[in-house]
């Protein structure tokens, strides 16, 4: 974008592209959440992943299940590398009994509005 470009947002506000960039830099350096969000959203592999797996609420929930199990494996077995974690994760999901337990815990955590698998929430 050229600095002389103007941007119209919701037919309300016109922002100079240069001002927008300068403001963004200030936010980026002062707001940890926005910096991390920007870094994720600008990463091509992450953007492709979102397009592929965040297309429905069901797929978002499935992703969250995998994410929380992967996070729990990381917390419980810090010495495992990524390959070992995905092997264990696949085994847990492919085993009927453990898959049911995982799904129940995830479903319960969504309905109770707390993530039970989080290492921050002790039983």
PDB file of N, CA and C in Angstrom:
ATOM      1  N   UNK A   1       0.843  -1.164   0.000  1.00  0.00           N
ATOM      2  CA  UNK A   1       0.000   0.000   0.000  1.00  0.00           C
ATOM      3  C   UNK A   1       0.895   1.236   0.000  1.00  0.00           C
ATOM      4  N   UNK A   2       0.587   2.185  -0.837  1.00  0.00           N
ATOM      5  CA  UNK A   2       1.310   3.457  -0.852  1.00  0.00           C
ATOM      6  C   UNK A   2       0.842   4.300   0.329  1.00  0.00           C
ATOM      7  N   UNK A   3       1.717   5.131   0.854  1.00  0.00           N
ATOM      8  CA  UNK A   3       1.357   5.928   2.031  1.00  0.00           C
ATOM      9  C   UNK A   3       0.260   6.939   1.736  1.00  0.00           C
ATOM     10  N   UNK A   4       0.075   7.293   0.466  1.00  0.00           N
ATOM     11  CA  UNK A   4      -0.963   8.268   0.118  1.00  0.00           C
ATOM     12  C   UNK A   4      -2.335   7.630  -0.027  1.00  0.00           C
ATOM     13  N   UNK A   5      -2.390   6.292  -0.020  1.00  0.00           N
ATOM     14  CA  UNK A   5      -3.674   5.608  -0.165  1.00  0.00           C
ATOM     15  C   UNK A   5      -4.568   5.893   1.025  1.00  0.00           C
ATOM     16  N   UNK A   6      -5.860   5.958   0.763  1.00  0.00           N
ATOM     17  CA  UNK A   6      -6.836   6.141   1.822  1.00  0.00           C
ATOM     18  C   UNK A   6      -7.676   4.886   1.934  1.00  0.00           C
ATOM     19  N   UNK A   7      -8.122   4.585   3.125  1.00  0.00           N
ATOM     20  CA  UNK A   7      -8.925   3.392   3.368  1.00  0.00           C
ATOM     21  C   UNK A   7     -10.235   3.826   3.989  1.00  0.00           C
ATOM     22  N   UNK A   8     -11.347   3.345   3.440  1.00  0.00           N
ATOM     23  CA  UNK A   8     -12.670   3.639   3.964  1.00  0.00           C
ATOM     24  C   UNK A   8     -13.124   2.433   4.776  1.00  0.00           C
ATOM     25  N   UNK A   9     -13.494   2.674   6.018  1.00  0.00           N
ATOM     26  CA  UNK A   9     -13.929   1.589   6.897  1.00  0.00           C
ATOM     27  C   UNK A   9     -15.366   1.840   7.303  1.00  0.00           C
ATOM     28  N   UNK A  10     -16.259   0.945   6.929  1.00  0.00           N
ATOM     29  CA  UNK A  10     -17.677   1.013   7.294  1.00  0.00           C
ATOM     30  C   UNK A  10     -18.310   2.361   6.959  1.00  0.00           C
ATOM     31  N   UNK A  11     -17.899   2.966   5.878  1.00  0.00           N
ATOM     32  CA  UNK A  11     -18.430   4.257   5.447  1.00  0.00           C
ATOM     33  C   UNK A  11     -18.340   5.338   6.528  1.00  0.00           C
ATOM     34  N   UNK A  12     -17.456   5.156   7.512  1.00  0.00           N
ATOM     35  CA  UNK A  12     -17.397   6.088   8.617  1.00  0.00           C
ATOM     36  C   UNK A  12     -16.063   6.829   8.667  1.00  0.00           C
ATOM     37  N   UNK A  13     -14.975   6.119   8.516  1.00  0.00           N
ATOM     38  CA  UNK A  13     -13.687   6.680   8.833  1.00  0.00           C
ATOM     39  C   UNK A  13     -12.731   6.511   7.663  1.00  0.00           C
ATOM     40  N   UNK A  14     -11.994   7.532   7.352  1.00  0.00           N
ATOM     41  CA  UNK A  14     -10.966   7.447   6.323  1.00  0.00           C
ATOM     42  C   UNK A  14      -9.614   7.553   7.017  1.00  0.00           C
ATOM     43  N   UNK A  15      -8.745   6.586   6.757  1.00  0.00           N
ATOM     44  CA  UNK A  15      -7.444   6.531   7.413  1.00  0.00           C
ATOM     45  C   UNK A  15      -6.357   6.574   6.357  1.00  0.00           C
ATOM     46  N   UNK A  16      -5.383   7.406   6.581  1.00  0.00           N
ATOM     47  CA  UNK A  16      -4.223   7.448   5.712  1.00  0.00           C
ATOM     48  C   UNK A  16      -3.418   6.173   5.940  1.00  0.00           C
ATOM     49  N   UNK A  17      -3.004   5.509   4.864  1.00  0.00           N
ATOM     50  CA  UNK A  17      -2.277   4.253   4.972  1.00  0.00           C
ATOM     51  C   UNK A  17      -1.027   4.357   5.818  1.00  0.00           C
ATOM     52  N   UNK A  18      -0.328   5.461   5.754  1.00  0.00           N
ATOM     53  CA  UNK A  18       0.897   5.652   6.539  1.00  0.00           C
ATOM     54  C   UNK A  18       0.554   5.742   8.025  1.00  0.00           C
ATOM     55  N   UNK A  19      -0.519   6.480   8.364  1.00  0.00           N
ATOM     56  CA  UNK A  19      -0.949   6.571   9.758  1.00  0.00           C
ATOM     57  C   UNK A  19      -1.374   5.196  10.277  1.00  0.00           C
ATOM     58  N   UNK A  20      -2.043   4.450   9.443  1.00  0.00           N
ATOM     59  CA  UNK A  20      -2.479   3.110   9.803  1.00  0.00           C
ATOM     60  C   UNK A  20      -1.276   2.231  10.125  1.00  0.00           C
ATOM     61  N   UNK A  21      -0.248   2.309   9.309  1.00  0.00           N
ATOM     62  CA  UNK A  21       0.961   1.507   9.546  1.00  0.00           C
ATOM     63  C   UNK A  21       1.675   1.943  10.824  1.00  0.00           C
ATOM     64  N   UNK A  22       1.824   3.232  11.026  1.00  0.00           N
ATOM     65  CA  UNK A  22       2.491   3.726  12.242  1.00  0.00           C
ATOM     66  C   UNK A  22       1.722   3.319  13.490  1.00  0.00           C
ATOM     67  N   UNK A  23       0.397   3.444  13.453  1.00  0.00           N
ATOM     68  CA  UNK A  23      -0.442   3.039  14.576  1.00  0.00           C
ATOM     69  C   UNK A  23      -0.286   1.538  14.829  1.00  0.00           C
ATOM     70  N   UNK A  24      -0.270   0.771  13.750  1.00  0.00           N
ATOM     71  CA  UNK A  24      -0.097  -0.680  13.875  1.00  0.00           C
ATOM     72  C   UNK A  24       1.225  -1.052  14.517  1.00  0.00           C
ATOM     73  N   UNK A  25       2.286  -0.336  14.178  1.00  0.00           N
ATOM     74  CA  UNK A  25       3.595  -0.606  14.775  1.00  0.00           C
ATOM     75  C   UNK A  25       3.581  -0.337  16.274  1.00  0.00           C
ATOM     76  N   UNK A  26       2.914   0.734  16.667  1.00  0.00           N
ATOM     77  CA  UNK A  26       2.817   1.054  18.100  1.00  0.00           C
ATOM     78  C   UNK A  26       2.060  -0.052  18.827  1.00  0.00           C
ATOM     79  N   UNK A  27       0.933  -0.462  18.253  1.00  0.00           N
ATOM     80  CA  UNK A  27       0.128  -1.539  18.859  1.00  0.00           C
ATOM     81  C   UNK A  27       0.928  -2.826  18.908  1.00  0.00           C
ATOM     82  N   UNK A  28       1.605  -3.158  17.818  1.00  0.00           N
ATOM     83  CA  UNK A  28       2.399  -4.387  17.720  1.00  0.00           C
ATOM     84  C   UNK A  28       3.425  -4.455  18.846  1.00  0.00           C
ATOM     85  N   UNK A  29       4.091  -3.360  19.122  1.00  0.00           N
ATOM     86  CA  UNK A  29       5.159  -3.360  20.127  1.00  0.00           C
ATOM     87  C   UNK A  29       4.647  -3.207  21.554  1.00  0.00           C
ATOM     88  N   UNK A  30       3.411  -2.778  21.726  1.00  0.00           N
ATOM     89  CA  UNK A  30       2.905  -2.550  23.079  1.00  0.00           C
ATOM     90  C   UNK A  30       1.824  -3.540  23.512  1.00  0.00           C
ATOM     91  N   UNK A  31       1.285  -4.319  22.580  1.00  0.00           N
ATOM     92  CA  UNK A  31       0.182  -5.217  22.911  1.00  0.00           C
ATOM     93  C   UNK A  31       0.572  -6.644  22.535  1.00  0.00           C
ATOM     94  N   UNK A  32       0.876  -7.436  23.549  1.00  0.00           N
ATOM     95  CA  UNK A  32       1.351  -8.808  23.348  1.00  0.00           C
ATOM     96  C   UNK A  32       0.346  -9.650  22.556  1.00  0.00           C
ATOM     97  N   UNK A  33      -0.943  -9.549  22.901  1.00  0.00           N
ATOM     98  CA  UNK A  33      -1.967 -10.331  22.204  1.00  0.00           C
ATOM     99  C   UNK A  33      -2.006  -9.996  20.711  1.00  0.00           C
ATOM    100  N   UNK A  34      -2.038  -8.698  20.400  1.00  0.00           N
ATOM    101  CA  UNK A  34      -2.124  -8.285  18.998  1.00  0.00           C
ATOM    102  C   UNK A  34      -0.862  -8.672  18.222  1.00  0.00           C
ATOM    103  N   UNK A  35       0.306  -8.591  18.867  1.00  0.00           N
ATOM    104  CA  UNK A  35       1.554  -9.005  18.217  1.00  0.00           C
ATOM    105  C   UNK A  35       1.507 -10.497  17.863  1.00  0.00           C
ATOM    106  N   UNK A  36       1.085 -11.314  18.828  1.00  0.00           N
ATOM    107  CA  UNK A  36       1.012 -12.753  18.581  1.00  0.00           C
ATOM    108  C   UNK A  36      -0.038 -13.079  17.525  1.00  0.00           C
ATOM    109  N   UNK A  37      -1.183 -12.389  17.585  1.00  0.00           N
ATOM    110  CA  UNK A  37      -2.224 -12.598  16.578  1.00  0.00           C
ATOM    111  C   UNK A  37      -1.698 -12.247  15.192  1.00  0.00           C
ATOM    112  N   UNK A  38      -1.041 -11.113  15.078  1.00  0.00           N
ATOM    113  CA  UNK A  38      -0.491 -10.690  13.792  1.00  0.00           C
ATOM    114  C   UNK A  38       0.547 -11.684  13.276  1.00  0.00           C
ATOM    115  N   UNK A  39       1.441 -12.117  14.161  1.00  0.00           N
ATOM    116  CA  UNK A  39       2.465 -13.083  13.746  1.00  0.00           C
ATOM    117  C   UNK A  39       1.841 -14.375  13.235  1.00  0.00           C
ATOM    118  N   UNK A  40       0.816 -14.854  13.933  1.00  0.00           N
ATOM    119  CA  UNK A  40       0.132 -16.070  13.484  1.00  0.00           C
ATOM    120  C   UNK A  40      -0.580 -15.855  12.150  1.00  0.00           C
ATOM    121  N   UNK A  41      -1.342 -14.786  12.071  1.00  0.00           N
ATOM    122  CA  UNK A  41      -2.169 -14.557  10.887  1.00  0.00           C
ATOM    123  C   UNK A  41      -1.345 -14.242   9.647  1.00  0.00           C
ATOM    124  N   UNK A  42      -0.149 -13.736   9.808  1.00  0.00           N
ATOM    125  CA  UNK A  42       0.702 -13.443   8.662  1.00  0.00           C
ATOM    126  C   UNK A  42       1.531 -14.640   8.225  1.00  0.00           C
ATOM    127  N   UNK A  43       1.541 -15.694   9.014  1.00  0.00           N
ATOM    128  CA  UNK A  43       2.313 -16.893   8.666  1.00  0.00           C
ATOM    129  C   UNK A  43       1.531 -17.715   7.638  1.00  0.00           C
ATOM    130  N   UNK A  44       2.114 -17.953   6.457  1.00  0.00           N
ATOM    131  CA  UNK A  44       1.365 -18.632   5.380  1.00  0.00           C
ATOM    132  C   UNK A  44       0.852 -20.027   5.760  1.00  0.00           C
ATOM    133  N   UNK A  45       1.638 -20.793   6.486  1.00  0.00           N
ATOM    134  CA  UNK A  45       1.201 -22.143   6.851  1.00  0.00           C
ATOM    135  C   UNK A  45       0.002 -22.084   7.799  1.00  0.00           C
ATOM    136  N   UNK A  46       0.022 -21.139   8.726  1.00  0.00           N
ATOM    137  CA  UNK A  46      -1.090 -20.982   9.658  1.00  0.00           C
ATOM    138  C   UNK A  46      -2.353 -20.545   8.923  1.00  0.00           C
ATOM    139  N   UNK A  47      -2.214 -19.591   7.992  1.00  0.00           N
ATOM    140  CA  UNK A  47      -3.378 -19.131   7.228  1.00  0.00           C
ATOM    141  C   UNK A  47      -3.992 -20.278   6.431  1.00  0.00           C
ATOM    142  N   UNK A  48      -3.158 -21.096   5.806  1.00  0.00           N
ATOM    143  CA  UNK A  48      -3.663 -22.263   5.076  1.00  0.00           C
ATOM    144  C   UNK A  48      -4.367 -23.234   6.013  1.00  0.00           C
ATOM    145  N   UNK A  49      -3.786 -23.433   7.193  1.00  0.00           N
ATOM    146  CA  UNK A  49      -4.367 -24.335   8.184  1.00  0.00           C
ATOM    147  C   UNK A  49      -5.749 -23.843   8.610  1.00  0.00           C
ATOM    148  N   UNK A  50      -5.862 -22.546   8.877  1.00  0.00           N
ATOM    149  CA  UNK A  50      -7.158 -21.987   9.269  1.00  0.00           C
ATOM    150  C   UNK A  50      -8.200 -22.168   8.171  1.00  0.00           C
ATOM    151  N   UNK A  51      -7.821 -21.865   6.945  1.00  0.00           N
ATOM    152  CA  UNK A  51      -8.769 -22.008   5.834  1.00  0.00           C
ATOM    153  C   UNK A  51      -9.251 -23.446   5.700  1.00  0.00           C
ATOM    154  N   UNK A  52      -8.359 -24.382   5.942  1.00  0.00           N
ATOM    155  CA  UNK A  52      -8.688 -25.796   5.768  1.00  0.00           C
ATOM    156  C   UNK A  52      -9.466 -26.387   6.946  1.00  0.00           C
ATOM    157  N   UNK A  53      -9.154 -25.959   8.167  1.00  0.00           N
ATOM    158  CA  UNK A  53      -9.706 -26.629   9.350  1.00  0.00           C
ATOM    159  C   UNK A  53     -10.654 -25.783  10.197  1.00  0.00           C
ATOM    160  N   UNK A  54     -10.811 -24.511   9.892  1.00  0.00           N
ATOM    161  CA  UNK A  54     -11.701 -23.652  10.665  1.00  0.00           C
ATOM    162  C   UNK A  54     -12.890 -23.206   9.822  1.00  0.00           C
ATOM    163  N   UNK A  55     -13.396 -24.111   9.012  1.00  0.00           N
ATOM    164  CA  UNK A  55     -14.481 -23.758   8.103  1.00  0.00           C
ATOM    165  C   UNK A  55     -15.866 -23.995   8.698  1.00  0.00           C
ATOM    166  N   UNK A  56     -15.965 -24.816   9.733  1.00  0.00           N
ATOM    167  CA  UNK A  56     -17.248 -25.048  10.409  1.00  0.00           C
ATOM    168  C   UNK A  56     -17.000 -25.110  11.914  1.00  0.00           C
ATOM    169  N   UNK A  57     -18.066 -24.896  12.696  1.00  0.00           N
ATOM    170  CA  UNK A  57     -17.916 -24.988  14.151  1.00  0.00           C
ATOM    171  C   UNK A  57     -17.519 -26.394  14.570  1.00  0.00           C
ATOM    172  N   UNK A  58     -18.024 -27.390  13.875  1.00  0.00           N
ATOM    173  CA  UNK A  58     -17.646 -28.773  14.199  1.00  0.00           C
ATOM    174  C   UNK A  58     -16.153 -28.984  14.013  1.00  0.00           C
ATOM    175  N   UNK A  59     -15.600 -28.469  12.914  1.00  0.00           N
ATOM    176  CA  UNK A  59     -14.164 -28.617  12.680  1.00  0.00           C
ATOM    177  C   UNK A  59     -13.336 -27.816  13.693  1.00  0.00           C
ATOM    178  N   UNK A  60     -13.854 -26.688  14.126  1.00  0.00           N
ATOM    179  CA  UNK A  60     -13.160 -25.905  15.153  1.00  0.00           C
ATOM    180  C   UNK A  60     -13.122 -26.695  16.457  1.00  0.00           C
ATOM    181  N   UNK A  61     -14.232 -27.347  16.796  1.00  0.00           N
ATOM    182  CA  UNK A  61     -14.257 -28.159  18.006  1.00  0.00           C
ATOM    183  C   UNK A  61     -13.314 -29.353  17.896  1.00  0.00           C
ATOM    184  N   UNK A  62     -13.274 -29.970  16.737  1.00  0.00           N
ATOM    185  CA  UNK A  62     -12.349 -31.092  16.531  1.00  0.00           C
ATOM    186  C   UNK A  62     -10.914 -30.607  16.687  1.00  0.00           C
ATOM    187  N   UNK A  63     -10.608 -29.450  16.075  1.00  0.00           N
ATOM    188  CA  UNK A  63      -9.267 -28.896  16.234  1.00  0.00           C
ATOM    189  C   UNK A  63      -8.953 -28.660  17.710  1.00  0.00           C
ATOM    190  N   UNK A  64      -9.904 -28.070  18.435  1.00  0.00           N
ATOM    191  CA  UNK A  64      -9.671 -27.786  19.854  1.00  0.00           C
ATOM    192  C   UNK A  64      -9.420 -29.068  20.642  1.00  0.00           C
ATOM    193  N   UNK A  65     -10.103 -30.143  20.277  1.00  0.00           N
ATOM    194  CA  UNK A  65      -9.868 -31.421  20.938  1.00  0.00           C
ATOM    195  C   UNK A  65      -8.415 -31.854  20.714  1.00  0.00           C
ATOM    196  N   UNK A  66      -7.977 -31.827  19.467  1.00  0.00           N
ATOM    197  CA  UNK A  66      -6.603 -32.219  19.168  1.00  0.00           C
ATOM    198  C   UNK A  66      -5.610 -31.277  19.856  1.00  0.00           C
ATOM    199  N   UNK A  67      -5.905 -29.993  19.827  1.00  0.00           N
ATOM    200  CA  UNK A  67      -5.025 -29.011  20.437  1.00  0.00           C
ATOM    201  C   UNK A  67      -4.866 -29.270  21.934  1.00  0.00           C
ATOM    202  N   UNK A  68      -5.991 -29.458  22.635  1.00  0.00           N
ATOM    203  CA  UNK A  68      -5.936 -29.644  24.085  1.00  0.00           C
ATOM    204  C   UNK A  68      -5.239 -30.951  24.454  1.00  0.00           C
ATOM    205  N   UNK A  69      -5.450 -32.003  23.671  1.00  0.00           N
ATOM    206  CA  UNK A  69      -4.753 -33.268  23.948  1.00  0.00           C
ATOM    207  C   UNK A  69      -3.256 -33.091  23.697  1.00  0.00           C
ATOM    208  N   UNK A  70      -2.895 -32.438  22.604  1.00  0.00           N
ATOM    209  CA  UNK A  70      -1.486 -32.188  22.298  1.00  0.00           C
ATOM    210  C   UNK A  70      -0.853 -31.351  23.417  1.00  0.00           C
ATOM    211  N   UNK A  71      -1.571 -30.335  23.883  1.00  0.00           N
ATOM    212  CA  UNK A  71      -1.081 -29.494  24.967  1.00  0.00           C
ATOM    213  C   UNK A  71      -0.872 -30.320  26.236  1.00  0.00           C
ATOM    214  N   UNK A  72      -1.814 -31.190  26.534  1.00  0.00           N
ATOM    215  CA  UNK A  72      -1.708 -32.045  27.719  1.00  0.00           C
ATOM    216  C   UNK A  72      -0.523 -32.994  27.593  1.00  0.00           C
ATOM    217  N   UNK A  73      -0.319 -33.555  26.410  1.00  0.00           N
ATOM    218  CA  UNK A  73       0.840 -34.425  26.193  1.00  0.00           C
ATOM    219  C   UNK A  73       2.143 -33.654  26.401  1.00  0.00           C
ATOM    220  N   UNK A  74       2.180 -32.432  25.936  1.00  0.00           N
ATOM    221  CA  UNK A  74       3.365 -31.585  26.111  1.00  0.00           C
ATOM    222  C   UNK A  74       3.633 -31.336  27.586  1.00  0.00           C
ATOM    223  N   UNK A  75       2.565 -31.076  28.338  1.00  0.00           N
ATOM    224  CA  UNK A  75       2.713 -30.825  29.774  1.00  0.00           C
ATOM    225  C   UNK A  75       3.133 -32.083  30.529  1.00  0.00           C
ATOM    226  N   UNK A  76       2.533 -33.202  30.178  1.00  0.00           N
ATOM    227  CA  UNK A  76       2.773 -34.454  30.902  1.00  0.00           C
ATOM    228  C   UNK A  76       4.082 -35.140  30.498  1.00  0.00           C
ATOM    229  N   UNK A  77       4.482 -34.960  29.261  1.00  0.00           N
ATOM    230  CA  UNK A  77       5.675 -35.632  28.733  1.00  0.00           C
ATOM    231  C   UNK A  77       6.576 -34.614  28.018  1.00  0.00           C
ATOM    232  N   UNK A  78       7.212 -33.728  28.771  1.00  0.00           N
ATOM    233  CA  UNK A  78       7.985 -32.645  28.147  1.00  0.00           C
ATOM    234  C   UNK A  78       9.176 -33.123  27.319  1.00  0.00           C
ATOM    235  N   UNK A  79       9.625 -34.347  27.536  1.00  0.00           N
ATOM    236  CA  UNK A  79      10.785 -34.842  26.790  1.00  0.00           C
ATOM    237  C   UNK A  79      10.419 -35.425  25.421  1.00  0.00           C
ATOM    238  N   UNK A  80       9.120 -35.608  25.153  1.00  0.00           N
ATOM    239  CA  UNK A  80       8.724 -36.125  23.842  1.00  0.00           C
ATOM    240  C   UNK A  80       8.904 -35.043  22.786  1.00  0.00           C
ATOM    241  N   UNK A  81       9.366 -35.455  21.609  1.00  0.00           N
ATOM    242  CA  UNK A  81       9.455 -34.493  20.510  1.00  0.00           C
ATOM    243  C   UNK A  81       8.124 -34.468  19.756  1.00  0.00           C
ATOM    244  N   UNK A  82       8.013 -33.595  18.785  1.00  0.00           N
ATOM    245  CA  UNK A  82       6.762 -33.439  18.043  1.00  0.00           C
ATOM    246  C   UNK A  82       6.292 -34.715  17.365  1.00  0.00           C
ATOM    247  N   UNK A  83       7.207 -35.476  16.788  1.00  0.00           N
ATOM    248  CA  UNK A  83       6.831 -36.728  16.130  1.00  0.00           C
ATOM    249  C   UNK A  83       6.257 -37.722  17.128  1.00  0.00           C
ATOM    250  N   UNK A  84       6.880 -37.800  18.298  1.00  0.00           N
ATOM    251  CA  UNK A  84       6.394 -38.722  19.323  1.00  0.00           C
ATOM    252  C   UNK A  84       5.010 -38.297  19.819  1.00  0.00           C
ATOM    253  N   UNK A  85       4.822 -36.993  19.958  1.00  0.00           N
ATOM    254  CA  UNK A  85       3.515 -36.504  20.420  1.00  0.00           C
ATOM    255  C   UNK A  85       2.414 -36.801  19.414  1.00  0.00           C
ATOM    256  N   UNK A  86       2.681 -36.591  18.121  1.00  0.00           N
ATOM    257  CA  UNK A  86       1.608 -36.869  17.155  1.00  0.00           C
ATOM    258  C   UNK A  86       1.347 -38.360  17.026  1.00  0.00           C
ATOM    259  N   UNK A  87       2.369 -39.188  17.252  1.00  0.00           N
ATOM    260  CA  UNK A  87       2.152 -40.636  17.254  1.00  0.00           C
ATOM    261  C   UNK A  87       1.260 -41.038  18.423  1.00  0.00           C
ATOM    262  N   UNK A  88       1.575 -40.514  19.601  1.00  0.00           N
ATOM    263  CA  UNK A  88       0.768 -40.815  20.787  1.00  0.00           C
ATOM    264  C   UNK A  88      -0.639 -40.245  20.651  1.00  0.00           C
ATOM    265  N   UNK A  89      -0.745 -39.028  20.162  1.00  0.00           N
ATOM    266  CA  UNK A  89      -2.048 -38.398  19.947  1.00  0.00           C
ATOM    267  C   UNK A  89      -2.897 -39.225  18.995  1.00  0.00           C
ATOM    268  N   UNK A  90      -2.320 -39.669  17.896  1.00  0.00           N
ATOM    269  CA  UNK A  90      -3.047 -40.500  16.932  1.00  0.00           C
ATOM    270  C   UNK A  90      -3.505 -41.800  17.568  1.00  0.00           C
ATOM    271  N   UNK A  91      -2.642 -42.420  18.359  1.00  0.00           N
ATOM    272  CA  UNK A  91      -3.020 -43.663  19.043  1.00  0.00           C
ATOM    273  C   UNK A  91      -4.184 -43.435  20.005  1.00  0.00           C
ATOM    274  N   UNK A  92      -4.128 -42.336  20.759  1.00  0.00           N
ATOM    275  CA  UNK A  92      -5.207 -42.044  21.704  1.00  0.00           C
ATOM    276  C   UNK A  92      -6.533 -41.813  20.988  1.00  0.00           C
ATOM    277  N   UNK A  93      -6.493 -41.084  19.886  1.00  0.00           N
ATOM    278  CA  UNK A  93      -7.716 -40.780  19.138  1.00  0.00           C
ATOM    279  C   UNK A  93      -8.235 -42.018  18.409  1.00  0.00           C
ATOM    280  N   UNK A  94      -7.340 -42.857  17.921  1.00  0.00           N
ATOM    281  CA  UNK A  94      -7.751 -44.049  17.175  1.00  0.00           C
ATOM    282  C   UNK A  94      -8.210 -45.192  18.064  1.00  0.00           C
ATOM    283  N   UNK A  95      -7.977 -45.098  19.358  1.00  0.00           N
ATOM    284  CA  UNK A  95      -8.426 -46.124  20.303  1.00  0.00           C
ATOM    285  C   UNK A  95      -9.795 -45.705  20.836  1.00  0.00           C
ATOM    286  N   UNK A  96     -10.769 -46.547  20.609  1.00  0.00           N
ATOM    287  CA  UNK A  96     -12.157 -46.204  20.920  1.00  0.00           C
ATOM    288  C   UNK A  96     -12.350 -45.733  22.359  1.00  0.00           C
ATOM    289  N   UNK A  97     -11.796 -46.461  23.315  1.00  0.00           N
ATOM    290  CA  UNK A  97     -12.001 -46.142  24.726  1.00  0.00           C
ATOM    291  C   UNK A  97     -11.408 -44.769  25.076  1.00  0.00           C
ATOM    292  N   UNK A  98     -10.172 -44.515  24.668  1.00  0.00           N
ATOM    293  CA  UNK A  98      -9.564 -43.226  25.007  1.00  0.00           C
ATOM    294  C   UNK A  98     -10.208 -42.084  24.230  1.00  0.00           C
ATOM    295  N   UNK A  99     -10.612 -42.354  22.983  1.00  0.00           N
ATOM    296  CA  UNK A  99     -11.288 -41.313  22.197  1.00  0.00           C
ATOM    297  C   UNK A  99     -12.584 -40.885  22.884  1.00  0.00           C
ATOM    298  N   UNK A 100     -13.354 -41.854  23.385  1.00  0.00           N
ATOM    299  CA  UNK A 100     -14.595 -41.525  24.095  1.00  0.00           C
ATOM    300  C   UNK A 100     -14.309 -40.679  25.338  1.00  0.00           C
ATOM    301  N   UNK A 101     -13.285 -41.056  26.104  1.00  0.00           N
ATOM    302  CA  UNK A 101     -12.928 -40.292  27.300  1.00  0.00           C
ATOM    303  C   UNK A 101     -12.500 -38.862  26.940  1.00  0.00           C
ATOM    304  N   UNK A 102     -11.695 -38.742  25.896  1.00  0.00           N
ATOM    305  CA  UNK A 102     -11.240 -37.421  25.450  1.00  0.00           C
ATOM    306  C   UNK A 102     -12.431 -36.583  24.994  1.00  0.00           C
ATOM    307  N   UNK A 103     -13.282 -37.155  24.172  1.00  0.00           N
ATOM    308  CA  UNK A 103     -14.452 -36.424  23.670  1.00  0.00           C
ATOM    309  C   UNK A 103     -15.363 -35.986  24.810  1.00  0.00           C
ATOM    310  N   UNK A 104     -15.564 -36.861  25.777  1.00  0.00           N
ATOM    311  CA  UNK A 104     -16.408 -36.512  26.925  1.00  0.00           C
ATOM    312  C   UNK A 104     -15.793 -35.357  27.703  1.00  0.00           C
ATOM    313  N   UNK A 105     -14.499 -35.430  27.971  1.00  0.00           N
ATOM    314  CA  UNK A 105     -13.858 -34.369  28.747  1.00  0.00           C
ATOM    315  C   UNK A 105     -13.881 -33.046  27.990  1.00  0.00           C
ATOM    316  N   UNK A 106     -13.639 -33.089  26.697  1.00  0.00           N
ATOM    317  CA  UNK A 106     -13.677 -31.868  25.896  1.00  0.00           C
ATOM    318  C   UNK A 106     -15.101 -31.302  25.863  1.00  0.00           C
ATOM    319  N   UNK A 107     -16.083 -32.163  25.626  1.00  0.00           N
ATOM    320  CA  UNK A 107     -17.484 -31.716  25.589  1.00  0.00           C
ATOM    321  C   UNK A 107     -17.876 -31.104  26.938  1.00  0.00           C
ATOM    322  N   UNK A 108     -17.497 -31.779  28.022  1.00  0.00           N
ATOM    323  CA  UNK A 108     -17.802 -31.253  29.360  1.00  0.00           C
ATOM    324  C   UNK A 108     -17.112 -29.910  29.587  1.00  0.00           C
ATOM    325  N   UNK A 109     -15.884 -29.784  29.112  1.00  0.00           N
ATOM    326  CA  UNK A 109     -15.163 -28.534  29.325  1.00  0.00           C
ATOM    327  C   UNK A 109     -15.788 -27.393  28.531  1.00  0.00           C
ATOM    328  N   UNK A 110     -16.303 -27.694  27.320  1.00  0.00           N
ATOM    329  CA  UNK A 110     -16.974 -26.656  26.541  1.00  0.00           C
ATOM    330  C   UNK A 110     -18.273 -26.233  27.210  1.00  0.00           C
ATOM    331  N   UNK A 111     -19.021 -27.183  27.742  1.00  0.00           N
ATOM    332  CA  UNK A 111     -20.301 -26.838  28.349  1.00  0.00           C
ATOM    333  C   UNK A 111     -20.129 -26.173  29.705  1.00  0.00           C
ATOM    334  N   UNK A 112     -19.053 -26.505  30.426  1.00  0.00           N
ATOM    335  CA  UNK A 112     -18.831 -25.868  31.730  1.00  0.00           C
ATOM    336  C   UNK A 112     -17.995 -24.598  31.599  1.00  0.00           C
ATOM    337  N   UNK A 113     -17.609 -24.273  30.361  1.00  0.00           N
ATOM    338  CA  UNK A 113     -16.850 -23.055  30.052  1.00  0.00           C
ATOM    339  C   UNK A 113     -15.493 -23.010  30.725  1.00  0.00           C
ATOM    340  N   UNK A 114     -14.907 -24.168  30.976  1.00  0.00           N
ATOM    341  CA  UNK A 114     -13.524 -24.211  31.430  1.00  0.00           C
ATOM    342  C   UNK A 114     -12.850 -25.388  30.746  1.00  0.00           C
ATOM    343  N   UNK A 115     -11.588 -25.255  30.503  1.00  0.00           N
ATOM    344  CA  UNK A 115     -10.857 -26.295  29.808  1.00  0.00           C
ATOM    345  C   UNK A 115     -10.228 -27.226  30.836  1.00  0.00           C
ATOM    346  N   UNK A 116     -10.857 -28.361  31.019  1.00  0.00           N
ATOM    347  CA  UNK A 116     -10.419 -29.305  32.041  1.00  0.00           C
ATOM    348  C   UNK A 116      -9.056 -29.913  31.725  1.00  0.00           C
ATOM    349  N   UNK A 117      -8.697 -30.000  30.466  1.00  0.00           N
ATOM    350  CA  UNK A 117      -7.424 -30.615  30.114  1.00  0.00           C
ATOM    351  C   UNK A 117      -6.249 -29.683  30.368  1.00  0.00           C
ATOM    352  N   UNK A 118      -6.512 -28.435  30.629  1.00  0.00           N
ATOM    353  CA  UNK A 118      -5.437 -27.479  30.843  1.00  0.00           C
ATOM    354  C   UNK A 118      -4.674 -27.836  32.103  1.00  0.00           C
ATOM    355  N   UNK A 119      -3.366 -27.723  32.022  1.00  0.00           N
ATOM    356  CA  UNK A 119      -2.537 -28.033  33.186  1.00  0.00           C
ATOM    357  C   UNK A 119      -2.742 -26.999  34.290  1.00  0.00           C
ATOM    358  N   UNK A 120      -3.357 -25.868  33.962  1.00  0.00           N
ATOM    359  CA  UNK A 120      -3.619 -24.834  34.964  1.00  0.00           C
ATOM    360  C   UNK A 120      -4.810 -25.170  35.842  1.00  0.00           C
ATOM    361  N   UNK A 121      -5.643 -26.122  35.406  1.00  0.00           N
ATOM    362  CA  UNK A 121      -6.827 -26.499  36.162  1.00  0.00           C
ATOM    363  C   UNK A 121      -6.602 -27.876  36.771  1.00  0.00           C
ATOM    364  N   UNK A 122      -6.265 -27.922  38.015  1.00  0.00           N
ATOM    365  CA  UNK A 122      -6.035 -29.203  38.691  1.00  0.00           C
ATOM    366  C   UNK A 122      -7.367 -29.761  39.188  1.00  0.00           C
ATOM    367  N   UNK A 123      -7.508 -31.077  39.152  1.00  0.00           N
ATOM    368  CA  UNK A 123      -8.740 -31.724  39.600  1.00  0.00           C
ATOM    369  C   UNK A 123      -8.863 -31.724  41.094  1.00  0.00           C
TER     370      UNK A 123
END
